PDB file of N, CA and C in Angstrom:
ATOM      1  N   MET A   1       6.176 -12.857  14.130  1.00  0.00           N
ATOM      2  CA  MET A   1       7.147 -12.368  13.224  1.00  0.00           C
ATOM      3  C   MET A   1       6.670 -10.940  12.536  1.00  0.00           C
ATOM      4  N   ILE A   2       7.365  -9.916  12.742  1.00  0.00           N
ATOM      5  CA  ILE A   2       6.995  -8.693  12.029  1.00  0.00           C
ATOM      6  C   ILE A   2       8.164  -8.476  11.143  1.00  0.00           C
ATOM      7  N   ARG A   3       7.806  -8.349   9.818  1.00  0.00           N
ATOM      8  CA  ARG A   3       8.825  -8.055   8.876  1.00  0.00           C
ATOM      9  C   ARG A   3       8.344  -6.746   8.233  1.00  0.00           C
ATOM     10  N   THR A   4       9.070  -5.647   8.070  1.00  0.00           N
ATOM     11  CA  THR A   4       8.809  -4.369   7.435  1.00  0.00           C
ATOM     12  C   THR A   4       9.690  -4.259   6.211  1.00  0.00           C
ATOM     13  N   LEU A   5       9.043  -3.633   5.304  1.00  0.00           N
ATOM     14  CA  LEU A   5       9.770  -3.317   4.031  1.00  0.00           C
ATOM     15  C   LEU A   5       9.580  -1.804   3.796  1.00  0.00           C
ATOM     16  N   ASP A   6      10.743  -1.140   3.710  1.00  0.00           N
ATOM     17  CA  ASP A   6      10.809   0.311   3.613  1.00  0.00           C
ATOM     18  C   ASP A   6      11.238   0.563   2.361  1.00  0.00           C
ATOM     19  N   ALA A   7      10.621   1.349   1.603  1.00  0.00           N
ATOM     20  CA  ALA A   7      10.963   1.936   0.217  1.00  0.00           C
ATOM     21  C   ALA A   7      11.929   3.173   0.410  1.00  0.00           C
ATOM     22  N   GLU A   8      13.105   3.000  -0.089  1.00  0.00           N
ATOM     23  CA  GLU A   8      14.097   4.040   0.170  1.00  0.00           C
ATOM     24  C   GLU A   8      13.657   5.339  -0.268  1.00  0.00           C
ATOM     25  N   ARG A   9      13.000   5.447  -1.474  1.00  0.00           N
ATOM     26  CA  ARG A   9      12.643   6.772  -2.109  1.00  0.00           C
ATOM     27  C   ARG A   9      11.318   7.011  -2.009  1.00  0.00           C
ATOM     28  N   ASP A  10      10.497   6.562  -0.921  1.00  0.00           N
ATOM     29  CA  ASP A  10       9.148   6.847  -0.822  1.00  0.00           C
ATOM     30  C   ASP A  10       8.942   8.248  -0.198  1.00  0.00           C
ATOM     31  N   PRO A  11       8.462   9.186  -1.031  1.00  0.00           N
ATOM     32  CA  PRO A  11       8.316  10.562  -0.377  1.00  0.00           C
ATOM     33  C   PRO A  11       7.213  10.555   0.713  1.00  0.00           C
ATOM     34  N   SER A  12       6.370   9.615   0.963  1.00  0.00           N
ATOM     35  CA  SER A  12       5.337   9.747   1.885  1.00  0.00           C
ATOM     36  C   SER A  12       5.850   8.913   2.997  1.00  0.00           C
ATOM     37  N   ALA A  13       6.882   8.313   3.135  1.00  0.00           N
ATOM     38  CA  ALA A  13       7.209   7.394   4.178  1.00  0.00           C
ATOM     39  C   ALA A  13       7.628   8.280   5.458  1.00  0.00           C
ATOM     40  N   ALA A  14       7.452   7.729   6.569  1.00  0.00           N
ATOM     41  CA  ALA A  14       7.867   8.583   7.824  1.00  0.00           C
ATOM     42  C   ALA A  14       9.293   8.544   7.947  1.00  0.00           C
ATOM     43  N   PRO A  15       9.885   9.754   8.512  1.00  0.00           N
ATOM     44  CA  PRO A  15      11.393   9.631   8.708  1.00  0.00           C
ATOM     45  C   PRO A  15      11.735   8.409   9.626  1.00  0.00           C
ATOM     46  N   GLY A  16      12.744   7.811   9.270  1.00  0.00           N
ATOM     47  CA  GLY A  16      13.199   6.720   9.996  1.00  0.00           C
ATOM     48  C   GLY A  16      12.584   5.395   9.603  1.00  0.00           C
ATOM     49  N   GLY A  17      11.726   5.470   8.447  1.00  0.00           N
ATOM     50  CA  GLY A  17      10.937   4.196   8.165  1.00  0.00           C
ATOM     51  C   GLY A  17      10.095   3.590   9.178  1.00  0.00           C
ATOM     52  N   CYS A  18      10.139   2.266   9.073  1.00  0.00           N
ATOM     53  CA  CYS A  18       9.174   1.494   9.876  1.00  0.00           C
ATOM     54  C   CYS A  18       9.769   1.035  11.332  1.00  0.00           C
ATOM     55  N   THR A  19      10.765   1.791  11.675  1.00  0.00           N
ATOM     56  CA  THR A  19      11.494   1.518  12.993  1.00  0.00           C
ATOM     57  C   THR A  19      10.577   1.501  14.088  1.00  0.00           C
ATOM     58  N   SER A  20       9.661   2.349  13.987  1.00  0.00           N
ATOM     59  CA  SER A  20       8.674   2.599  15.088  1.00  0.00           C
ATOM     60  C   SER A  20       7.883   1.169  15.377  1.00  0.00           C
ATOM     61  N   TYR A  21       7.682   0.319  14.504  1.00  0.00           N
ATOM     62  CA  TYR A  21       7.025  -0.909  14.655  1.00  0.00           C
ATOM     63  C   TYR A  21       7.783  -1.892  15.666  1.00  0.00           C
ATOM     64  N   ARG A  22       9.032  -1.691  15.749  1.00  0.00           N
ATOM     65  CA  ARG A  22       9.869  -2.631  16.574  1.00  0.00           C
ATOM     66  C   ARG A  22       9.516  -2.646  18.004  1.00  0.00           C
ATOM     67  N   GLY A  23       9.230  -1.512  18.499  1.00  0.00           N
ATOM     68  CA  GLY A  23       8.769  -1.471  20.039  1.00  0.00           C
ATOM     69  C   GLY A  23       7.446  -2.354  20.272  1.00  0.00           C
ATOM     70  N   GLY A  24       6.625  -2.636  19.237  1.00  0.00           N
ATOM     71  CA  GLY A  24       5.347  -3.338  19.556  1.00  0.00           C
ATOM     72  C   GLY A  24       5.499  -4.850  19.405  1.00  0.00           C
ATOM     73  N   SER A  25       6.731  -5.231  19.036  1.00  0.00           N
ATOM     74  CA  SER A  25       6.933  -6.736  18.707  1.00  0.00           C
ATOM     75  C   SER A  25       7.582  -7.276  19.809  1.00  0.00           C
ATOM     76  N   THR A  26       7.116  -8.477  20.241  1.00  0.00           N
ATOM     77  CA  THR A  26       7.736  -9.311  21.140  1.00  0.00           C
ATOM     78  C   THR A  26       8.483 -10.545  20.555  1.00  0.00           C
ATOM     79  N   GLY A  27       8.210 -10.775  19.338  1.00  0.00           N
ATOM     80  CA  GLY A  27       8.791 -11.754  18.760  1.00  0.00           C
ATOM     81  C   GLY A  27       9.950 -11.313  17.795  1.00  0.00           C
ATOM     82  N   PRO A  28      10.330 -12.221  16.757  1.00  0.00           N
ATOM     83  CA  PRO A  28      11.312 -11.836  15.789  1.00  0.00           C
ATOM     84  C   PRO A  28      10.829 -10.584  14.990  1.00  0.00           C
ATOM     85  N   TYR A  29      11.695  -9.852  14.630  1.00  0.00           N
ATOM     86  CA  TYR A  29      11.496  -8.718  13.802  1.00  0.00           C
ATOM     87  C   TYR A  29      12.698  -8.451  12.871  1.00  0.00           C
ATOM     88  N   GLU A  30      12.383  -8.117  11.598  1.00  0.00           N
ATOM     89  CA  GLU A  30      13.205  -7.736  10.615  1.00  0.00           C
ATOM     90  C   GLU A  30      12.789  -6.535   9.793  1.00  0.00           C
ATOM     91  N   GLN A  31      13.721  -5.645   9.481  1.00  0.00           N
ATOM     92  CA  GLN A  31      13.346  -4.550   8.763  1.00  0.00           C
ATOM     93  C   GLN A  31      14.328  -4.568   7.384  1.00  0.00           C
ATOM     94  N   ARG A  32      13.704  -4.533   6.272  1.00  0.00           N
ATOM     95  CA  ARG A  32      14.510  -4.589   5.018  1.00  0.00           C
ATOM     96  C   ARG A  32      14.250  -3.198   4.250  1.00  0.00           C
ATOM     97  N   THR A  33      15.258  -2.497   3.893  1.00  0.00           N
ATOM     98  CA  THR A  33      15.158  -1.261   3.142  1.00  0.00           C
ATOM     99  C   THR A  33      15.302  -1.721   1.547  1.00  0.00           C
ATOM    100  N   LEU A  34      14.320  -1.247   0.822  1.00  0.00           N
ATOM    101  CA  LEU A  34      14.484  -1.511  -0.662  1.00  0.00           C
ATOM    102  C   LEU A  34      15.124  -0.496  -1.380  1.00  0.00           C
ATOM    103  N   GLN A  35      16.351  -0.537  -1.764  1.00  0.00           N
ATOM    104  CA  GLN A  35      17.070   0.506  -2.315  1.00  0.00           C
ATOM    105  C   GLN A  35      16.566   0.885  -3.557  1.00  0.00           C
ATOM    106  N   GLY A  36      16.402   2.234  -3.727  1.00  0.00           N
ATOM    107  CA  GLY A  36      16.050   2.807  -5.076  1.00  0.00           C
ATOM    108  C   GLY A  36      14.490   2.602  -5.575  1.00  0.00           C
ATOM    109  N   ILE A  37      13.699   2.209  -4.474  1.00  0.00           N
ATOM    110  CA  ILE A  37      12.327   2.012  -4.690  1.00  0.00           C
ATOM    111  C   ILE A  37      11.537   3.095  -4.212  1.00  0.00           C
ATOM    112  N   GLY A  38      10.612   3.568  -4.899  1.00  0.00           N
ATOM    113  CA  GLY A  38       9.654   4.653  -4.479  1.00  0.00           C
ATOM    114  C   GLY A  38       8.417   4.039  -3.932  1.00  0.00           C
ATOM    115  N   HIS A  39       7.338   4.869  -3.945  1.00  0.00           N
ATOM    116  CA  HIS A  39       6.073   4.576  -3.160  1.00  0.00           C
ATOM    117  C   HIS A  39       5.326   3.148  -3.691  1.00  0.00           C
ATOM    118  N   ASN A  40       5.463   2.924  -4.926  1.00  0.00           N
ATOM    119  CA  ASN A  40       4.763   1.846  -5.370  1.00  0.00           C
ATOM    120  C   ASN A  40       5.695   0.446  -5.394  1.00  0.00           C
ATOM    121  N   VAL A  41       5.690   0.033  -4.083  1.00  0.00           N
ATOM    122  CA  VAL A  41       6.606  -1.154  -3.937  1.00  0.00           C
ATOM    123  C   VAL A  41       6.165  -2.504  -4.578  1.00  0.00           C
ATOM    124  N   PRO A  42       4.990  -2.772  -4.674  1.00  0.00           N
ATOM    125  CA  PRO A  42       4.538  -3.944  -5.340  1.00  0.00           C
ATOM    126  C   PRO A  42       5.166  -3.926  -6.910  1.00  0.00           C
ATOM    127  N   GLN A  43       5.097  -2.797  -7.538  1.00  0.00           N
ATOM    128  CA  GLN A  43       5.499  -2.677  -8.772  1.00  0.00           C
ATOM    129  C   GLN A  43       7.069  -2.686  -8.946  1.00  0.00           C
ATOM    130  N   GLY A  44       7.670  -1.918  -7.985  1.00  0.00           N
ATOM    131  CA  GLY A  44       8.947  -1.534  -8.118  1.00  0.00           C
ATOM    132  C   GLY A  44       9.777  -2.713  -7.468  1.00  0.00           C
ATOM    133  N   ALA A  45       9.382  -3.585  -6.679  1.00  0.00           N
ATOM    134  CA  ALA A  45      10.208  -4.720  -6.116  1.00  0.00           C
ATOM    135  C   ALA A  45       9.227  -5.896  -5.820  1.00  0.00           C
ATOM    136  N   PRO A  46       8.678  -6.446  -6.814  1.00  0.00           N
ATOM    137  CA  PRO A  46       7.858  -7.641  -6.519  1.00  0.00           C
ATOM    138  C   PRO A  46       8.588  -8.863  -6.062  1.00  0.00           C
ATOM    139  N   VAL A  47       9.960  -9.019  -6.548  1.00  0.00           N
ATOM    140  CA  VAL A  47      10.583 -10.166  -5.931  1.00  0.00           C
ATOM    141  C   VAL A  47      11.006 -10.150  -4.551  1.00  0.00           C
ATOM    142  N   ALA A  48      11.302  -8.861  -4.127  1.00  0.00           N
ATOM    143  CA  ALA A  48      11.674  -8.480  -2.703  1.00  0.00           C
ATOM    144  C   ALA A  48      10.382  -8.775  -1.763  1.00  0.00           C
ATOM    145  N   ILE A  49       9.251  -8.478  -2.289  1.00  0.00           N
ATOM    146  CA  ILE A  49       7.974  -8.768  -1.442  1.00  0.00           C
ATOM    147  C   ILE A  49       7.748 -10.233  -1.417  1.00  0.00           C
ATOM    148  N   ALA A  50       7.904 -10.908  -2.571  1.00  0.00           N
ATOM    149  CA  ALA A  50       7.656 -12.395  -2.527  1.00  0.00           C
ATOM    150  C   ALA A  50       8.751 -12.999  -1.581  1.00  0.00           C
ATOM    151  N   ARG A  51       9.950 -12.619  -1.627  1.00  0.00           N
ATOM    152  CA  ARG A  51      11.005 -13.187  -0.752  1.00  0.00           C
ATOM    153  C   ARG A  51      10.617 -12.855   0.627  1.00  0.00           C
ATOM    154  N   ALA A  52      10.151 -11.840   1.056  1.00  0.00           N
ATOM    155  CA  ALA A  52       9.980 -11.444   2.420  1.00  0.00           C
ATOM    156  C   ALA A  52       8.808 -12.379   2.952  1.00  0.00           C
ATOM    157  N   VAL A  53       7.759 -12.569   2.037  1.00  0.00           N
ATOM    158  CA  VAL A  53       6.658 -13.424   2.473  1.00  0.00           C
ATOM    159  C   VAL A  53       7.083 -14.818   2.805  1.00  0.00           C
ATOM    160  N   VAL A  54       7.721 -15.384   1.747  1.00  0.00           N
ATOM    161  CA  VAL A  54       8.423 -16.783   1.854  1.00  0.00           C
ATOM    162  C   VAL A  54       9.195 -16.885   3.134  1.00  0.00           C
ATOM    163  N   ASP A  55      10.100 -15.963   3.383  1.00  0.00           N
ATOM    164  CA  ASP A  55      10.921 -15.972   4.604  1.00  0.00           C
ATOM    165  C   ASP A  55      10.109 -15.913   5.882  1.00  0.00           C
ATOM    166  N   ALA A  56       9.105 -15.193   5.907  1.00  0.00           N
ATOM    167  CA  ALA A  56       8.261 -15.023   7.015  1.00  0.00           C
ATOM    168  C   ALA A  56       7.550 -16.382   7.306  1.00  0.00           C
ATOM    169  N   ALA A  57       7.023 -16.909   6.282  1.00  0.00           N
ATOM    170  CA  ALA A  57       6.428 -18.302   6.389  1.00  0.00           C
ATOM    171  C   ALA A  57       7.305 -19.318   6.767  1.00  0.00           C
ATOM    172  N   ARG A  58       8.575 -19.353   6.211  1.00  0.00           N
ATOM    173  CA  ARG A  58       9.504 -20.446   6.694  1.00  0.00           C
ATOM    174  C   ARG A  58       9.906 -20.175   8.226  1.00  0.00           C
ATOM    175  N   LEU A  59      10.104 -18.935   8.579  1.00  0.00           N
ATOM    176  CA  LEU A  59      10.399 -18.871  10.036  1.00  0.00           C
ATOM    177  C   LEU A  59       9.294 -19.315  10.957  1.00  0.00           C
ATOM    178  N   SER A  60       8.180 -18.877  10.557  1.00  0.00           N
ATOM    179  CA  SER A  60       6.907 -19.395  11.467  1.00  0.00           C
ATOM    180  C   SER A  60       6.832 -20.912  11.398  1.00  0.00           C
ATOM    181  N   ALA A  61       7.055 -21.577  10.309  1.00  0.00           N
ATOM    182  CA  ALA A  61       7.083 -22.980  10.195  1.00  0.00           C
ATOM    183  C   ALA A  61       8.064 -23.560  11.158  1.00  0.00           C
ATOM    184  N   CYS A  62       9.336 -23.058  11.175  1.00  0.00           N
ATOM    185  CA  CYS A  62      10.367 -23.461  11.817  1.00  0.00           C
ATOM    186  C   CYS A  62       9.976 -23.409  13.310  1.00  0.00           C
ATOM    187  N   ARG A  63       9.322 -22.407  13.884  1.00  0.00           N
ATOM    188  CA  ARG A  63       8.972 -22.056  15.159  1.00  0.00           C
ATOM    189  C   ARG A  63       7.822 -22.703  15.625  1.00  0.00           C
ATOM    190  N   GLY A  64       7.057 -23.478  14.688  1.00  0.00           N
ATOM    191  CA  GLY A  64       5.942 -24.305  15.032  1.00  0.00           C
ATOM    192  C   GLY A  64       4.657 -23.251  14.992  1.00  0.00           C
ATOM    193  N   GLU A  65       4.705 -22.222  14.478  1.00  0.00           N
ATOM    194  CA  GLU A  65       3.530 -21.103  14.593  1.00  0.00           C
ATOM    195  C   GLU A  65       2.701 -21.372  13.292  1.00  0.00           C
ATOM    196  N   ARG A  66       1.456 -20.742  13.332  1.00  0.00           N
ATOM    197  CA  ARG A  66       0.565 -20.716  12.319  1.00  0.00           C
ATOM    198  C   ARG A  66       1.216 -19.612  11.274  1.00  0.00           C
ATOM    199  N   SER A  67       1.095 -19.862   9.978  1.00  0.00           N
ATOM    200  CA  SER A  67       1.582 -18.996   9.070  1.00  0.00           C
ATOM    201  C   SER A  67       1.073 -17.557   9.105  1.00  0.00           C
ATOM    202  N   PRO A  68       1.891 -16.561   9.127  1.00  0.00           N
ATOM    203  CA  PRO A  68       1.468 -15.282   9.201  1.00  0.00           C
ATOM    204  C   PRO A  68       0.921 -14.609   7.826  1.00  0.00           C
ATOM    205  N   VAL A  69       0.941 -15.525   6.851  1.00  0.00           N
ATOM    206  CA  VAL A  69       0.637 -14.951   5.534  1.00  0.00           C
ATOM    207  C   VAL A  69      -1.021 -14.939   5.356  1.00  0.00           C
ATOM    208  N   ARG A  70      -1.423 -13.737   5.053  1.00  0.00           N
ATOM    209  CA  ARG A  70      -2.904 -13.703   4.904  1.00  0.00           C
ATOM    210  C   ARG A  70      -3.077 -12.991   3.480  1.00  0.00           C
ATOM    211  N   MET A  71      -4.014 -13.578   2.738  1.00  0.00           N
ATOM    212  CA  MET A  71      -4.354 -13.051   1.306  1.00  0.00           C
ATOM    213  C   MET A  71      -5.536 -12.186   1.598  1.00  0.00           C
ATOM    214  N   VAL A  72      -5.316 -11.011   1.051  1.00  0.00           N
ATOM    215  CA  VAL A  72      -6.483  -9.977   1.094  1.00  0.00           C
ATOM    216  C   VAL A  72      -7.007  -9.879  -0.263  1.00  0.00           C
ATOM    217  N   THR A  73      -8.226  -9.824  -0.509  1.00  0.00           N
ATOM    218  CA  THR A  73      -8.831  -9.914  -1.834  1.00  0.00           C
ATOM    219  C   THR A  73      -9.837  -8.754  -1.889  1.00  0.00           C
TER     220      THR A  73
END
């Protein structure tokens, strides 16, 4: 499962957002655009990030896959 979150107002984002990742995915793919959010996505849309992580984990569990969620410290 690849889930991308695009910040609508991120000045450093590539044109077209994260759509280029779709070609490298052989499984489910979802792209969400965060309306009105700039470059600092965790601060601007913490609930949207949490929802995307939970949704990805649920989809993986339904498919019998290992959770894609990794904590980086």
